[in-house]
Amino acid sequence: MIREIIVVEGRDDEQRVKRALDCEVITTGGIYFGNKLLQRLKKISDDRGIIILTDPDYAGNKIRSRINNYIPNAKNAFIAQDLCTKSDDIGIENANEEDIRKAIENARPSNIEIDKIYDMDDMIYYGLVGENSKELRIKVGKKLNIGYGNAKSFLRMLNNYNIKREDLERAIKDGL
């Protein structure tokens, strides 16, 4: 698994990258993302690092530039425009999986083995699954700056973002 989190523009890009690589992916949702996402990316960058893989077009370059200005140590991966263009549509979602792998390899990612600190029993114990758990996951995800996910996704994020148990317990206490 790649240590760094891959930052892409949209859901189609995310799906394409996840088919090509064993990695975590975060989307910006386009060019008009807020400071909240930049702060989240900064925290992730400090913990695991990020690799920016945006479309080779005007919007993609603006997104890359904004993130690089806020997080100067971010790694960058590039795919040539002709390798990710289908008809008149330019985007990472159009690149083939081998080109995506090569672009990420060129950014020199680190590989890690993720420690599976948490399991579904922990999710049940902490009340993060089951009745009325969605609101708690929203609050805890916000407090830990990892975002929201259903129970299965949230468990994966806790493990993949290396959330310490004491940080999780503090966030749960604050969320109640």
Protein backbone atom coordinates (compact mmCIF):
# COMPACT_ATOMS: atom_id res chain seq x y z
CA MET A 1 0.00 0.00 0.00
CA ILE A 2 1.18 3.50 -0.79
CA ARG A 3 1.85 5.54 2.35
CA GLU A 4 0.84 8.90 0.87
CA ILE A 5 -2.76 9.86 0.21
CA ILE A 6 -3.45 10.60 -3.47
CA VAL A 7 -5.32 13.87 -4.08
CA VAL A 8 -7.50 13.98 -7.21
CA GLU A 9 -10.27 16.25 -8.46
CA GLY A 10 -13.39 14.11 -8.62
CA ARG A 11 -15.07 10.78 -7.95
CA ASP A 12 -14.37 9.36 -11.41
CA ASP A 13 -10.67 10.13 -10.92
CA GLU A 14 -10.81 8.50 -7.48
CA GLN A 15 -12.35 5.31 -8.85
CA ARG A 16 -9.79 5.12 -11.66
CA VAL A 17 -6.82 5.59 -9.30
CA LYS A 18 -8.17 3.01 -6.83
CA ARG A 19 -8.47 0.48 -9.67
CA ALA A 20 -4.82 1.09 -10.56
CA LEU A 21 -3.29 1.21 -7.08
CA ASP A 22 -3.69 0.06 -3.48
CA CYS A 23 -4.04 3.51 -1.94
CA GLU A 24 -6.22 6.03 -0.14
CA VAL A 25 -7.64 8.82 -2.30
CA ILE A 26 -9.17 12.18 -1.41
CA THR A 27 -11.08 14.32 -3.88
CA THR A 28 -11.12 18.10 -3.97
CA GLY A 29 -14.55 18.15 -5.57
CA GLY A 30 -13.25 20.51 -8.22
CA ILE A 31 -11.53 23.86 -8.27
CA TYR A 32 -13.70 25.62 -5.70
CA PHE A 33 -12.72 23.75 -2.53
CA GLY A 34 -12.38 25.61 0.75
CA ASN A 35 -9.77 26.14 3.42
CA LYS A 36 -11.27 23.29 5.42
CA LEU A 37 -10.00 20.81 2.81
CA LEU A 38 -6.58 22.48 2.74
CA GLN A 39 -6.34 22.14 6.53
CA ARG A 40 -7.35 18.49 6.30
CA LEU A 41 -4.75 17.88 3.58
CA LYS A 42 -2.10 19.63 5.70
CA LYS A 43 -2.80 17.30 8.63
CA ILE A 44 -2.72 14.27 6.35
CA SER A 45 0.49 15.53 4.78
CA ASP A 46 2.09 15.85 8.21
CA ASP A 47 0.99 12.33 9.17
CA ARG A 48 1.39 10.36 5.93
CA GLY A 49 2.18 12.69 3.05
CA ILE A 50 0.16 13.48 -0.04
CA ILE A 51 0.65 13.06 -3.78
CA ILE A 52 -1.25 15.47 -6.02
CA LEU A 53 -2.58 13.94 -9.25
CA THR A 54 -4.84 16.45 -10.96
CA ASP A 55 -6.05 16.72 -14.54
CA PRO A 56 -3.53 18.28 -16.97
CA ASP A 57 -5.75 21.26 -17.74
CA TYR A 58 -6.34 24.77 -16.43
CA ALA A 59 -8.50 23.72 -13.46
CA GLY A 60 -6.16 20.89 -12.53
CA ASN A 61 -3.14 23.19 -12.60
CA LYS A 62 -4.95 25.77 -10.42
CA ILE A 63 -5.84 23.07 -7.88
CA ARG A 64 -2.26 21.73 -7.88
CA SER A 65 -0.84 25.23 -7.45
CA ARG A 66 -3.16 26.10 -4.56
CA ILE A 67 -2.36 22.88 -2.68
CA ASN A 68 1.38 23.22 -3.33
CA ASN A 69 1.35 26.80 -2.04
CA TYR A 70 -0.33 25.64 1.19
CA ILE A 71 1.65 22.38 1.51
CA PRO A 72 5.08 22.94 -0.06
CA ASN A 73 6.31 19.42 0.74
CA ALA A 74 3.50 17.73 -1.23
CA LYS A 75 4.65 15.28 -3.88
CA ASN A 76 3.34 15.73 -7.40
CA ALA A 77 2.43 13.15 -10.04
CA PHE A 78 1.77 14.08 -13.66
CA ILE A 79 0.15 12.41 -16.65
CA ALA A 80 0.57 13.99 -20.08
CA GLN A 81 -2.58 15.47 -21.57
CA ASP A 82 -2.56 13.14 -24.58
CA LEU A 83 -2.55 10.11 -22.24
CA CYS A 84 -5.73 11.16 -20.45
CA THR A 85 -7.88 12.63 -23.19
CA LYS A 86 -10.94 10.86 -24.56
CA SER A 87 -12.79 12.77 -27.29
CA ASP A 88 -12.51 16.34 -25.97
CA ASP A 89 -12.59 15.31 -22.30
CA ILE A 90 -9.31 15.74 -20.42
CA GLY A 91 -9.10 13.96 -17.10
CA ILE A 92 -7.34 11.38 -14.96
CA GLU A 93 -10.46 9.22 -15.26
CA ASN A 94 -9.53 8.72 -18.94
CA ALA A 95 -5.96 7.55 -18.29
CA ASN A 96 -5.13 3.87 -18.40
CA GLU A 97 -4.12 2.15 -15.18
CA GLU A 98 -0.50 1.63 -16.24
CA ASP A 99 -0.04 5.37 -16.89
CA ILE A 100 -1.52 6.14 -13.47
CA ARG A 101 0.88 3.68 -11.81
CA LYS A 102 3.87 5.18 -13.68
CA ALA A 103 2.87 8.74 -12.70
CA ILE A 104 2.60 7.80 -9.03
CA GLU A 105 5.88 5.82 -9.14
CA ASN A 106 7.62 8.89 -10.59
CA ALA A 107 6.46 10.88 -7.55
CA ARG A 108 8.43 8.38 -5.40
CA PRO A 109 5.79 7.18 -2.97
CA SER A 110 6.63 5.28 0.19
CA ASN A 111 5.14 1.87 0.80
CA ILE A 112 3.73 0.90 4.17
CA GLU A 113 2.03 -1.92 5.87
CA ILE A 114 -1.02 -0.54 7.61
CA ASP A 115 -1.38 -1.66 11.20
CA LYS A 116 -4.90 -2.84 11.75
CA ILE A 117 -5.31 -1.18 15.14
CA TYR A 118 -9.09 -1.20 15.01
CA ASP A 119 -11.62 -3.83 14.00
CA MET A 120 -15.40 -3.99 13.88
CA ASP A 121 -15.52 -4.96 17.57
CA ASP A 122 -13.93 -1.57 18.37
CA MET A 123 -16.52 0.16 16.20
CA ILE A 124 -19.28 -1.55 18.20
CA TYR A 125 -17.58 -0.85 21.54
CA TYR A 126 -17.25 2.86 20.79
CA GLY A 127 -20.77 3.16 19.39
CA LEU A 128 -19.53 3.99 15.90
CA VAL A 129 -21.76 1.37 14.31
CA GLY A 130 -25.42 0.65 14.86
CA GLU A 131 -28.36 2.77 15.91
CA ASN A 132 -27.66 6.55 16.11
CA SER A 133 -24.00 6.00 15.17
CA LYS A 134 -24.00 8.19 12.06
CA GLU A 135 -24.09 11.43 14.07
CA LEU A 136 -21.22 10.24 16.26
CA ARG A 137 -19.11 9.28 13.21
CA ILE A 138 -19.78 12.73 11.74
CA LYS A 139 -18.64 14.47 14.95
CA VAL A 140 -15.64 12.19 15.53
CA GLY A 141 -14.57 12.40 11.88
CA LYS A 142 -14.71 16.18 12.07
CA LYS A 143 -12.76 16.24 15.35
CA LEU A 144 -10.07 13.89 14.00
CA ASN A 145 -10.06 15.72 10.66
CA ILE A 146 -10.58 12.48 8.70
CA GLY A 147 -14.02 13.16 7.28
CA TYR A 148 -17.18 11.09 7.36
CA GLY A 149 -17.82 7.56 6.18
CA ASN A 150 -20.21 4.71 6.75
CA ALA A 151 -19.08 2.22 9.42
CA LYS A 152 -16.89 0.19 7.08
CA SER A 153 -15.26 3.27 5.50
CA PHE A 154 -14.79 4.91 8.89
CA LEU A 155 -13.01 1.80 10.22
CA ARG A 156 -10.71 1.85 7.20
CA MET A 157 -9.95 5.56 7.73
CA LEU A 158 -9.15 5.04 11.42
CA ASN A 159 -6.59 2.39 10.49
CA ASN A 160 -5.22 4.04 7.35
CA TYR A 161 -4.75 7.45 8.97
CA ASN A 162 -3.01 5.84 11.97
CA ILE A 163 -5.39 7.39 14.49
CA LYS A 164 -4.13 6.76 18.02
CA ARG A 165 -6.59 5.13 20.39
CA GLU A 166 -6.31 7.98 22.90
CA ASP A 167 -7.10 10.51 20.15
CA LEU A 168 -10.13 8.46 19.10
CA GLU A 169 -11.36 8.16 22.69
CA ARG A 170 -10.92 11.91 23.25
CA ALA A 171 -12.83 12.69 20.05
CA ILE A 172 -15.63 10.32 21.06
CA LYS A 173 -15.83 11.88 24.52
CA ASP A 174 -15.99 15.35 22.95
CA GLY A 175 -18.61 14.15 20.45
CA LEU A 176 -21.03 12.84 23.07
